[in-house]
Protein backbone atom coordinates (compact mmCIF):
# COMPACT_ATOMS: atom_id res chain seq x y z
CA MET A 1 -4.47 22.22 -19.23
CA GLU A 2 -8.02 22.76 -20.41
CA GLY A 3 -8.95 20.73 -23.46
CA MET A 4 -5.79 18.63 -23.39
CA ALA A 5 -5.83 14.82 -23.33
CA ASN A 6 -4.46 14.64 -19.80
CA ASP A 7 -7.71 16.20 -18.58
CA ASP A 8 -9.90 13.47 -20.08
CA VAL A 9 -9.72 11.44 -16.88
CA ASP A 10 -12.43 9.03 -17.97
CA VAL A 11 -9.61 7.24 -19.80
CA ALA A 12 -7.82 6.42 -16.55
CA ARG A 13 -11.07 5.51 -14.83
CA ARG A 14 -12.02 3.13 -17.64
CA TYR A 15 -8.61 1.50 -17.60
CA HIS A 16 -8.65 1.01 -13.84
CA GLU A 17 -12.12 -0.52 -13.92
CA ALA A 18 -11.28 -2.77 -16.87
CA THR A 19 -8.16 -4.17 -15.20
CA LYS A 20 -9.59 -4.93 -11.77
CA HIS A 21 -9.25 -8.45 -10.40
CA SER A 22 -12.31 -10.17 -9.00
CA TYR A 23 -13.24 -13.70 -7.98
CA SER A 24 -14.80 -14.26 -11.39
CA SER A 25 -12.24 -12.43 -13.54
CA VAL A 26 -9.27 -14.52 -12.39
CA ARG A 27 -11.23 -17.66 -13.27
CA ALA A 28 -12.06 -16.40 -16.73
CA ARG A 29 -8.46 -16.31 -17.96
CA GLY A 30 -8.03 -17.89 -21.37
CA GLU A 31 -5.05 -19.77 -22.74
CA PRO A 32 -2.18 -20.87 -20.46
CA LEU A 33 1.21 -19.21 -20.77
CA ASP A 34 3.20 -20.14 -23.86
CA TRP A 35 6.66 -20.64 -22.40
CA SER A 36 8.12 -21.06 -25.88
CA ASN A 37 7.12 -17.44 -26.59
CA GLN A 38 8.32 -15.89 -23.33
CA PRO A 39 9.87 -12.48 -24.07
CA LEU A 40 13.55 -11.79 -23.65
CA PRO A 41 14.12 -10.02 -20.32
CA PHE A 42 16.63 -7.64 -21.93
CA LYS A 43 16.68 -5.01 -24.65
CA ILE A 44 19.61 -6.05 -26.83
CA PHE A 45 21.38 -3.81 -29.36
CA PRO A 46 23.46 -6.35 -31.34
CA ASP A 47 25.30 -3.72 -33.40
CA LEU A 48 26.36 -1.35 -30.59
CA PRO A 49 29.65 -1.97 -28.76
CA PRO A 50 29.39 -2.37 -24.98
CA ILE A 51 31.06 0.04 -22.58
CA ALA A 52 31.88 -2.16 -19.61
CA LEU A 53 30.98 -0.72 -16.22
CA PRO A 54 33.28 -1.16 -13.22
CA ARG A 55 32.19 -3.77 -10.70
CA ASP A 56 34.63 -3.02 -7.87
CA PHE A 57 32.21 -1.05 -5.71
CA ALA A 58 33.35 0.35 -2.39
CA ALA A 59 31.04 -0.31 0.56
CA SER A 60 29.15 2.83 1.53
CA GLY A 61 29.08 2.07 5.26
CA VAL A 62 25.40 3.09 5.33
CA SER A 63 22.74 0.77 6.71
CA ALA A 64 19.74 -0.02 4.54
CA LEU A 65 17.39 1.46 7.16
CA ALA A 66 19.35 4.70 7.08
CA ALA A 67 19.40 4.72 3.28
CA ILE A 68 15.61 4.55 3.02
CA ALA A 69 14.92 6.92 5.94
CA ARG A 70 17.35 9.68 5.07
CA GLN A 71 17.37 11.91 2.07
CA VAL A 72 20.19 13.99 0.66
CA ARG A 73 18.68 17.42 0.41
CA ARG A 74 18.59 18.53 -3.21
CA ILE A 75 20.49 21.74 -3.90
CA HIS A 76 19.52 23.47 -7.12
CA SER A 77 19.49 27.22 -6.61
CA GLY A 78 22.34 27.70 -9.06
CA ALA A 79 24.32 29.80 -6.59
CA ALA A 80 28.09 29.60 -6.81
CA ASP A 81 28.39 28.13 -3.31
CA ASP A 82 25.98 25.27 -3.90
CA GLY A 83 28.86 22.84 -4.42
CA GLU A 84 29.44 20.23 -7.07
CA ARG A 85 28.10 16.71 -6.59
CA VAL A 86 29.14 14.79 -9.70
CA PRO A 87 29.08 10.99 -9.54
CA SER A 88 32.11 9.15 -10.82
CA LEU A 89 31.73 6.35 -13.36
CA ARG A 90 32.19 3.87 -10.52
CA GLN A 91 29.41 5.57 -8.55
CA LEU A 92 27.15 5.55 -11.61
CA ALA A 93 27.82 1.82 -11.97
CA TYR A 94 26.96 1.40 -8.28
CA LEU A 95 23.64 3.19 -8.77
CA LEU A 96 22.75 1.07 -11.79
CA PHE A 97 23.77 -2.22 -10.21
CA PHE A 98 21.98 -1.73 -6.90
CA SER A 99 18.82 -0.53 -8.62
CA ALA A 100 18.56 -2.82 -11.66
CA GLY A 101 21.61 -5.09 -11.84
CA ILE A 102 21.55 -8.90 -11.81
CA THR A 103 22.29 -10.13 -8.29
CA ARG A 104 21.80 -13.90 -8.71
CA ARG A 105 20.74 -16.50 -11.25
CA ARG A 106 18.43 -19.51 -10.98
CA GLN A 107 16.67 -21.95 -13.29
CA GLY A 108 13.00 -21.26 -14.04
CA PRO A 109 10.31 -22.91 -16.21
CA GLY A 110 11.49 -20.96 -19.26
CA GLY A 111 15.23 -21.33 -18.60
CA GLU A 112 17.73 -19.42 -16.49
CA VAL A 113 16.39 -16.32 -14.75
CA GLY A 114 18.71 -13.50 -13.73
CA PHE A 115 17.08 -12.04 -10.63
CA ARG A 116 17.74 -8.36 -10.20
CA ALA A 117 18.33 -5.90 -7.40
CA ALA A 118 14.69 -4.77 -7.24
CA SER A 119 11.55 -6.87 -7.23
CA CYS A 120 9.49 -7.15 -10.42
CA THR A 121 6.13 -8.75 -11.16
CA GLY A 122 6.74 -12.24 -12.51
CA ALA A 123 10.49 -11.56 -12.77
CA LEU A 124 9.79 -10.28 -16.29
CA TYR A 125 11.75 -7.00 -15.92
CA GLU A 126 9.88 -4.74 -18.30
CA ILE A 127 11.56 -1.56 -17.02
CA GLU A 128 14.61 -0.31 -18.96
CA LEU A 129 17.11 2.30 -17.73
CA TYR A 130 18.86 4.99 -19.78
CA VAL A 131 21.51 7.51 -18.75
CA VAL A 132 21.69 11.12 -19.92
CA CYS A 133 24.90 12.73 -18.67
CA GLN A 134 27.53 15.39 -19.01
CA ASP A 135 31.18 14.41 -19.37
CA LEU A 136 32.09 12.13 -16.48
CA ASP A 137 35.53 10.85 -15.61
CA GLY A 138 35.77 7.86 -17.93
CA LEU A 139 32.48 8.44 -19.78
CA PRO A 140 31.85 11.10 -22.46
CA ALA A 141 28.65 13.12 -22.40
CA GLY A 142 25.80 11.38 -24.13
CA VAL A 143 22.69 9.23 -23.95
CA TYR A 144 23.26 5.60 -23.03
CA HIS A 145 21.23 2.43 -22.60
CA PHE A 146 22.01 0.30 -19.55
CA GLY A 147 22.28 -3.42 -20.28
CA PRO A 148 21.99 -5.57 -17.15
CA ALA A 149 22.82 -8.75 -19.11
CA ASP A 150 26.49 -7.81 -19.50
CA PHE A 151 26.49 -4.86 -17.07
CA ALA A 152 27.44 -2.38 -19.75
CA LEU A 153 26.33 0.86 -21.34
CA ARG A 154 25.76 1.39 -25.04
CA ALA A 155 25.97 4.86 -26.56
CA LEU A 156 22.82 5.99 -28.37
CA ARG A 157 23.86 9.63 -28.73
CA ARG A 158 27.10 11.54 -28.21
CA GLY A 159 27.12 15.04 -26.79
CA ASP A 160 25.56 16.82 -23.83
CA LEU A 161 21.77 16.52 -24.17
CA ARG A 162 20.96 17.70 -20.63
CA GLN A 163 19.61 21.06 -21.78
CA ALA A 164 17.11 19.35 -24.10
CA LEU A 165 16.10 16.99 -21.31
CA ALA A 166 15.65 19.87 -18.88
CA ALA A 167 13.56 21.77 -21.43
CA ALA A 168 11.32 18.71 -21.76
CA THR A 169 10.69 18.85 -18.00
CA GLY A 170 9.55 22.47 -18.14
CA ASP A 171 13.05 23.50 -17.02
CA GLU A 172 12.80 21.66 -13.71
CA PRO A 173 15.87 22.88 -11.71
CA ALA A 174 16.61 19.41 -10.36
CA VAL A 175 17.10 18.17 -13.93
CA ARG A 176 18.78 21.32 -15.25
CA HIS A 177 21.48 21.13 -12.57
CA ALA A 178 21.92 17.35 -12.53
CA PRO A 179 25.12 15.99 -14.09
CA VAL A 180 23.34 12.64 -14.56
CA THR A 181 19.68 11.79 -15.08
CA ILE A 182 18.50 8.19 -15.21
CA VAL A 183 15.40 7.77 -17.39
CA CYS A 184 13.11 4.76 -16.90
CA THR A 185 10.91 3.25 -19.59
CA GLY A 186 8.32 0.49 -19.68
CA THR A 187 8.13 -2.22 -22.35
CA TYR A 188 4.55 -3.40 -22.81
CA TRP A 189 4.86 -6.93 -24.17
CA ARG A 190 7.58 -8.11 -21.81
CA ASN A 191 5.11 -7.95 -18.91
CA ALA A 192 1.85 -8.31 -20.85
CA TRP A 193 2.92 -11.81 -21.99
CA LYS A 194 1.76 -12.94 -18.54
CA TYR A 195 -0.29 -10.10 -17.08
CA ARG A 196 -2.04 -8.74 -20.17
CA ALA A 197 -3.60 -5.28 -19.89
CA ARG A 198 -2.87 -5.02 -16.16
CA THR A 199 0.75 -4.44 -17.20
CA TYR A 200 0.34 -0.66 -17.12
CA ARG A 201 -0.27 -0.85 -13.39
CA HIS A 202 2.89 -2.93 -13.16
CA PHE A 203 4.87 -0.21 -14.92
CA GLY A 204 4.30 1.86 -11.78
CA TRP A 205 4.94 -0.95 -9.30
CA ASP A 206 8.08 -2.29 -11.00
CA ASN A 207 9.50 1.12 -11.84
CA GLY A 208 8.75 2.08 -8.24
CA THR A 209 10.74 -0.74 -6.65
CA ILE A 210 13.70 0.20 -8.85
CA LEU A 211 13.37 3.83 -7.77
CA ALA A 212 13.22 2.84 -4.10
CA ASN A 213 16.60 1.17 -4.55
CA LEU A 214 17.94 4.01 -6.68
CA LEU A 215 16.98 6.68 -4.15
CA ALA A 216 18.47 4.60 -1.32
CA ALA A 217 21.66 3.99 -3.31
CA SER A 218 21.97 7.72 -4.00
CA THR A 219 21.58 8.42 -0.30
CA ALA A 220 24.23 5.82 0.51
CA LEU A 221 26.62 7.72 -1.80
CA ASP A 222 25.56 11.09 -0.38
CA LEU A 223 24.22 12.19 -3.77
CA PRO A 224 20.99 14.20 -4.05
CA ALA A 225 18.29 12.52 -6.13
CA GLY A 226 14.57 12.89 -6.75
CA VAL A 227 11.76 11.52 -8.89
CA VAL A 228 10.49 13.50 -11.88
CA CYS A 229 7.30 12.43 -13.66
CA GLY A 230 6.52 15.71 -15.43
CA PHE A 231 8.05 15.90 -18.91
CA VAL A 232 7.11 16.17 -22.57
CA ASP A 233 6.74 12.51 -23.49
CA GLU A 234 7.40 12.89 -27.20
CA THR A 235 10.72 14.67 -26.64
CA VAL A 236 12.04 12.12 -24.16
CA ASN A 237 10.87 9.19 -26.28
CA GLU A 238 12.61 10.71 -29.31
CA MET A 239 15.79 11.33 -27.34
CA LEU A 240 15.93 7.65 -26.37
CA GLY A 241 14.93 6.44 -29.84
CA LEU A 242 11.91 4.49 -28.58
CA ASP A 243 9.36 2.63 -30.67
CA VAL A 244 6.42 4.01 -28.71
CA GLU A 245 4.10 1.22 -29.84
CA ARG A 246 6.26 -1.06 -27.69
CA GLU A 247 8.20 1.05 -25.17
CA VAL A 248 7.52 4.40 -23.50
CA SER A 249 9.27 6.71 -21.05
CA PHE A 250 7.72 6.64 -17.59
CA SER A 251 9.89 8.50 -15.05
CA MET A 252 13.32 9.96 -14.48
CA VAL A 253 15.69 10.53 -11.57
CA PRO A 254 18.15 13.43 -11.66
CA VAL A 255 21.24 12.57 -9.60
CA GLY A 256 23.89 14.92 -8.24
CA HIS A 257 24.30 18.65 -8.68
CA VAL A 258 26.34 21.12 -10.72
CA SER A 259 25.96 24.86 -10.38
CA ALA A 260 26.35 25.72 -14.05
CA ALA A 261 23.44 25.38 -16.43
CA PRO A 262 23.99 22.85 -19.24
CA PRO A 263 25.21 24.06 -22.64
CA ALA A 264 22.91 24.25 -25.64
CA ALA A 265 22.07 20.76 -26.81
CA PRO A 266 22.80 19.49 -30.32
CA PRO A 267 19.75 18.77 -32.50
CA LEU A 268 18.04 15.42 -32.05
CA GLU A 269 18.54 13.23 -35.08
CA ARG A 270 16.37 10.16 -35.57
CA LEU A 271 17.81 6.97 -34.08
CA ASP A 272 17.36 3.67 -35.85
CA PHE A 273 19.46 1.08 -34.05
CA ARG A 274 18.56 -2.56 -34.52
CA THR A 275 17.27 -4.46 -31.48
CA LEU A 276 16.51 -8.15 -31.13
CA PRO A 277 12.82 -9.14 -31.13
CA LEU A 278 11.51 -9.90 -27.65
CA SER A 279 9.73 -13.07 -28.76
CA ARG A 280 8.34 -14.88 -31.78
CA THR A 281 5.00 -13.05 -31.64
CA GLU A 282 3.51 -10.24 -29.57
CA VAL A 283 -0.05 -9.52 -28.45
CA ASP A 284 -1.18 -5.91 -28.29
CA TYR A 285 -3.45 -4.57 -25.54
CA PRO A 286 -4.53 -1.16 -26.91
CA VAL A 287 -6.13 -0.03 -23.64
CA MET A 288 -2.64 0.45 -22.17
CA ARG A 289 -1.41 2.58 -25.04
CA GLU A 290 -4.65 4.57 -24.92
CA LEU A 291 -4.09 5.45 -21.27
CA HIS A 292 -0.44 6.28 -21.77
CA ALA A 293 -1.24 8.56 -24.71
CA ALA A 294 -4.03 10.23 -22.72
CA SER A 295 -1.62 10.91 -19.85
CA ALA A 296 1.00 12.50 -22.11
CA LEU A 297 2.15 16.08 -21.58
CA ARG A 298 2.73 17.80 -24.91
CA ALA A 299 4.61 21.04 -24.25
CA PRO A 300 6.97 22.46 -21.60
CA GLU A 301 4.27 24.96 -20.60
CA GLU A 302 1.85 22.12 -19.92
CA VAL A 303 4.50 20.37 -17.83
CA ALA A 304 5.09 23.51 -15.77
CA GLY A 305 1.35 23.90 -15.21
CA TRP A 306 1.01 20.24 -14.21
CA ARG A 307 3.84 20.55 -11.71
CA ALA A 308 2.37 23.76 -10.30
CA ALA A 309 -0.91 21.91 -9.76
CA ALA A 310 1.00 19.24 -7.85
CA ARG A 311 2.65 21.84 -5.63
CA GLY A 312 -0.63 23.62 -5.01
CA THR A 313 -2.63 20.56 -4.03
CA VAL A 314 -2.29 18.74 -0.73
CA LEU A 315 -3.97 15.46 -1.63
CA ASN A 316 -2.67 13.56 1.35
CA ALA A 317 -0.78 15.77 3.75
CA PRO A 318 0.62 13.94 6.78
CA ALA A 319 -2.51 14.69 8.80
CA ALA A 320 -5.03 14.38 5.96
CA VAL A 321 -6.22 10.78 6.50
CA GLU A 322 -9.60 10.88 8.19
CA ARG A 323 -9.42 9.98 11.87
CA ARG A 324 -12.42 8.27 13.44
CA GLY A 325 -10.91 6.81 16.58
CA PRO A 326 -7.99 7.09 19.00
CA GLY A 327 -4.46 6.65 17.70
CA ILE A 328 -1.99 4.00 18.83
CA PRO A 329 1.47 5.61 18.84
CA LEU A 330 4.34 3.68 17.31
CA PRO A 331 7.93 4.13 18.49
CA ALA A 332 9.23 7.15 16.61
CA GLU A 333 12.76 5.82 16.09
CA THR A 334 13.60 4.59 12.60
CA HIS A 335 16.57 2.56 13.93
CA GLU A 336 18.81 3.93 11.19
CA ALA A 337 22.01 2.61 12.78
CA ALA A 338 20.58 -0.90 13.14
CA GLY A 339 20.18 -3.56 10.50
CA ASP A 340 22.48 -4.69 7.73
CA ALA A 341 24.43 -2.58 5.26
CA PHE A 342 22.54 -1.38 2.20
CA GLU A 343 24.64 -3.36 -0.26
CA GLU A 344 24.30 -6.58 1.73
CA VAL A 345 20.53 -6.19 1.93
CA VAL A 346 20.11 -5.66 -1.82
CA LEU A 347 22.25 -8.70 -2.59
CA ARG A 348 20.22 -10.84 -0.19
CA ARG A 349 16.76 -9.48 -1.00
CA GLY A 350 14.25 -11.63 -2.78
CA SER A 351 10.51 -12.12 -2.67
CA THR A 352 9.54 -14.39 0.20
CA ARG A 353 7.64 -17.45 -1.04
CA ARG A 354 6.55 -18.90 2.32
CA PHE A 355 6.01 -17.28 5.72
CA GLN A 356 6.00 -18.93 9.14
CA ARG A 357 2.35 -18.77 10.11
CA GLY A 358 2.01 -17.36 13.62
CA ALA A 359 5.55 -15.93 13.74
CA ALA A 360 5.35 -12.32 14.91
CA TRP A 361 7.12 -9.11 14.12
CA SER A 362 8.03 -6.94 17.08
CA LEU A 363 6.56 -3.46 17.37
CA PRO A 364 10.02 -1.84 16.95
CA GLN A 365 10.54 -3.85 13.76
CA LEU A 366 7.23 -2.63 12.37
CA SER A 367 8.05 0.91 13.44
CA ALA A 368 11.44 0.76 11.74
CA ALA A 369 9.86 -0.46 8.50
CA LEU A 370 7.02 2.06 8.46
CA GLY A 371 9.10 4.92 9.86
CA GLY A 372 11.65 5.02 7.07
CA THR A 373 9.14 4.20 4.36
CA MET A 374 6.44 6.70 5.26
CA LEU A 375 8.58 9.81 5.72
CA GLY A 376 7.88 10.54 2.08
CA ILE A 377 9.42 10.65 -1.38
CA PRO A 378 11.24 13.53 -3.10
CA ALA A 379 9.07 13.79 -6.20
CA ASP A 380 7.72 16.51 -8.46
CA PHE A 381 4.19 15.04 -8.43
CA LEU A 382 4.16 15.60 -4.67
CA GLY A 383 5.76 19.05 -4.86
CA THR A 384 8.56 17.73 -2.65
CA LEU A 385 11.78 17.94 -4.69
CA GLY A 386 14.25 19.43 -2.24
CA ALA A 387 12.00 18.90 0.79
CA SER A 388 13.44 17.34 3.92
CA ALA A 389 10.54 17.26 6.38
CA LEU A 390 7.58 14.88 6.45
CA MET A 391 6.12 14.95 2.95
CA PRO A 392 2.63 14.33 1.53
CA LEU A 393 1.73 11.12 -0.28
CA LEU A 394 -0.95 10.19 -2.79
CA ASN A 395 -1.60 6.79 -1.19
CA ASP A 396 -3.11 5.98 2.19
CA THR A 397 -1.74 3.02 4.12
CA TYR A 398 -4.00 0.30 5.52
CA LEU A 399 -2.87 -2.80 7.39
CA ILE A 400 -4.23 -6.19 8.35
CA VAL A 401 -2.23 -7.22 11.41
CA HIS A 402 -2.07 -10.93 12.24
CA ALA A 403 0.95 -11.17 14.53
CA VAL A 404 2.74 -8.04 15.75
CA GLU A 405 3.79 -8.02 19.39
CA GLY A 406 1.99 -5.26 21.26
CA LEU A 407 -0.77 -4.80 18.65
CA ALA A 408 -4.16 -6.47 18.73
CA PRO A 409 -4.89 -8.42 15.55
CA GLY A 410 -7.15 -6.42 13.30
CA ALA A 411 -7.51 -3.90 10.50
CA TYR A 412 -5.73 -0.55 10.87
CA VAL A 413 -5.12 2.69 9.02
CA LEU A 414 -1.84 4.59 9.39
CA HIS A 415 -1.84 8.23 10.43
CA ARG A 416 1.56 9.52 9.42
CA PRO A 417 4.06 9.59 10.75
CA PHE A 418 3.71 7.14 13.61
CA GLU A 419 0.15 6.37 14.71
CA LEU A 420 -2.18 3.51 13.88
CA GLU A 421 -5.95 3.63 14.21
CA LEU A 422 -7.76 0.35 14.82
CA LEU A 423 -10.68 0.07 12.40
CA LYS A 424 -11.88 -3.35 13.50
CA GLU A 425 -10.39 -5.92 15.83
CA GLY A 426 -10.07 -9.59 15.01
CA LEU A 427 -7.90 -12.23 13.40
CA PHE A 428 -8.51 -11.88 9.67
CA ARG A 429 -6.13 -14.46 8.19
CA ASP A 430 -8.80 -16.08 6.05
CA GLU A 431 -10.00 -12.71 4.81
CA ALA A 432 -6.44 -11.57 4.01
CA GLY A 433 -5.76 -14.77 2.11
CA TYR A 434 -8.90 -14.25 0.05
CA LEU A 435 -8.08 -10.59 -0.69
CA GLY A 436 -4.65 -11.64 -1.98
CA LEU A 437 -6.16 -13.81 -4.74
CA GLU A 438 -6.77 -16.70 -2.34
CA GLN A 439 -3.07 -17.29 -1.74
CA ASP A 440 -1.24 -18.48 1.36
CA LEU A 441 1.19 -15.56 1.64
CA PRO A 442 -1.23 -12.92 2.99
CA ALA A 443 -2.85 -15.47 5.31
CA ASP A 444 0.47 -16.69 6.75
CA ALA A 445 2.21 -13.28 6.96
CA SER A 446 2.66 -11.33 10.17
CA LEU A 447 0.87 -8.41 8.53
CA VAL A 448 -0.34 -7.21 5.14
CA VAL A 449 0.01 -3.60 3.96
CA PHE A 450 -2.40 -2.19 1.37
CA PHE A 451 -1.94 1.14 -0.40
CA LEU A 452 -5.25 2.76 -1.31
CA ALA A 453 -5.74 6.06 -3.10
CA ASP A 454 -8.54 8.51 -3.76
CA LEU A 455 -8.25 8.35 -7.54
CA ARG A 456 -11.08 10.81 -8.04
CA ALA A 457 -9.13 13.51 -6.19
CA ILE A 458 -5.81 12.56 -7.78
CA LEU A 459 -7.17 12.56 -11.32
CA GLY A 460 -9.01 15.79 -10.63
CA SER A 461 -5.75 17.51 -9.69
CA LEU A 462 -3.14 15.77 -11.84
CA GLY A 463 -5.18 14.37 -14.72
CA ASN A 464 -4.48 10.97 -16.21
CA ARG A 465 -0.82 11.41 -15.40
CA GLY A 466 -1.83 11.27 -11.75
CA TYR A 467 -2.68 7.62 -12.35
CA ARG A 468 0.94 7.00 -13.37
CA ALA A 469 2.06 8.85 -10.24
CA ALA A 470 -0.20 6.93 -7.85
CA GLN A 471 1.00 3.56 -9.14
CA LEU A 472 4.63 4.68 -9.16
CA GLU A 473 4.45 6.06 -5.62
CA ALA A 474 2.93 2.81 -4.33
CA GLY A 475 5.74 0.88 -6.01
CA ILE A 476 8.35 3.09 -4.34
CA LEU A 477 6.71 2.61 -0.94
CA GLY A 478 6.58 -1.13 -1.53
CA GLY A 479 10.23 -1.15 -2.56
CA LYS A 480 11.16 0.64 0.64
CA LEU A 481 9.25 -1.95 2.67
CA TYR A 482 11.19 -4.69 0.89
CA LEU A 483 14.48 -3.10 1.93
CA ALA A 484 13.30 -2.39 5.48
CA ALA A 485 12.12 -5.97 6.00
CA TYR A 486 15.25 -7.59 4.63
CA ALA A 487 17.45 -5.14 6.54
CA GLN A 488 16.01 -6.68 9.71
CA ARG A 489 16.36 -10.25 8.33
CA LEU A 490 12.61 -10.51 7.91
CA GLY A 491 10.60 -11.28 4.79
CA ALA A 492 8.45 -9.42 2.28
CA SER A 493 6.64 -10.01 -0.98
CA GLY A 494 4.52 -7.81 -3.23
CA LEU A 495 1.16 -9.18 -4.21
CA THR A 496 -1.86 -8.49 -6.35
CA PHE A 497 -5.42 -8.54 -5.03
CA TYR A 498 -9.16 -8.45 -5.55
CA ASP A 499 -9.57 -4.70 -6.04
CA ASP A 500 -13.09 -3.96 -4.87
CA ASP A 501 -13.00 -6.55 -2.10
CA VAL A 502 -9.99 -4.81 -0.56
CA VAL A 503 -11.84 -1.50 -0.47
CA ASP A 504 -14.94 -3.17 0.96
CA PHE A 505 -12.89 -4.82 3.70
CA PHE A 506 -11.52 -1.49 4.94
CA SER A 507 -14.81 0.37 4.52
CA PRO A 508 -16.53 2.48 5.62
CA HIS A 509 -13.18 4.21 6.25
CA ALA A 510 -11.87 3.39 2.75
CA ALA A 511 -15.13 4.00 0.90
CA GLY A 512 -14.54 5.79 -2.40
CA LYS A 513 -10.86 4.84 -2.61
CA SER A 514 -9.12 2.41 -4.97
CA ALA A 515 -6.71 -0.41 -4.15
CA ILE A 516 -3.32 0.32 -5.70
CA PHE A 517 -0.69 -2.10 -4.32
CA CYS A 518 -0.18 -4.70 -1.61
CA MET A 519 2.83 -5.89 0.42
CA THR A 520 2.95 -8.97 2.65
CA LEU A 521 5.41 -8.86 5.55
CA GLY A 522 6.40 -11.73 7.80
CA ARG A 523 9.07 -14.14 8.96
CA PRO A 524 10.36 -16.37 6.16
CA MET A 525 10.01 -20.11 6.45
CA PRO A 526 13.50 -21.55 7.15
CA ARG A 527 15.03 -23.19 4.12
CA ARG A 528 15.29 -26.93 4.18
CA PRO A 529 18.86 -28.21 4.36
CA THR A 530 20.13 -29.51 1.03
């Protein structure tokens, strides 16, 4: 990778520094939001006919806790006895609905908001989903855009393009032998309307919560799935027909397994389908496009080398977090059989707006949430596609505990899989509230979880693309915590933070790391009767 843009990691460092929140930066914001110019939350192709997706999903019978804790082992050796795992059209619809479908509607300041299956910063929904598939029962092979607004697909290309997609991933076996791959993209302006240049961080968070749901939904259907971040950006963008000044491919998830390799793909012709403008005007934040371009992989050989670097580097093996004191064991059970069904949890999940201050989580509840979440993620940037044991992670997990039965209030670091180390004892509600942009949620929660990463090590191993991976991984972990909390009828909400103050709070243990994402966990305030 020598001499290639992905190695110029000063680009990622500059972006991260430029988009940090601080006490002064949040007070220096300029004009208020222009609600009359709020972007459409959907990508709309007015000239393409919809292909309605079935809505009569069968219940999986799998609990949400089991869906996030288990993993269907990926089979991709190509041997004749590997078995076929091809999702039906109804199962594909299930995957799309429970990862990115509209689950309820409410009125907001800018009109009706269709809240979706996975959490998203500001409910702006800048992540789009596309499907690349072979012939399925009821759906011809092709490339499709998923439209949550009418729960339908629209055909962008006809024909089996899986071989071209696999080639773009450096011939990753998980993609080559997947009958379906779901590709995720990020649309800059849809989120930048509110969050400006920090949007590129949100690509990772908001894509990650979708992937947490998608991986859990795949597990519920007993379909193998994994996260792929290594691919030739230009090829995938061209396949989807993206205007890369506005929308870019970010990740993909191969789902299922077929033993046969895909047939040769037809040539990619330029797509030029009309889409509706997102809003009256758009504001460009070039620093985001600069980072994305600098994290691009430009040839299959570069992708293969990048993925080999991921496999050869243990950035955060289960025992890699520095230990400075005795561990406090957590119950090892993940309580997979307990809690509500996966589908019920997704339909009920939201982002908690108010917590009951002083209301505690039990230690088994915390253990169930952390246990399933922290087992790991099947992902190429971790070298864990096909793995089934405890996997490495890029992010370290720090906690501020206010009210967990059996744990002293204080600041902790997690040693995976199931030990906490007390860094400093004390009730830090005021400090937590300050770290979370001086909001009530982190002060009132039962506990606050922060994901911190050693960006210097990550960028040194994975280049600028490692920045994408670190943000995406944190979003997946946060999405799992959402599901685990709501599965136990508890509450959760993702939050932003004062970057450097978070690191300072957990130092000296966290010295040199960067704050990536934050989750508040607690007991929701009961709703007032209407």
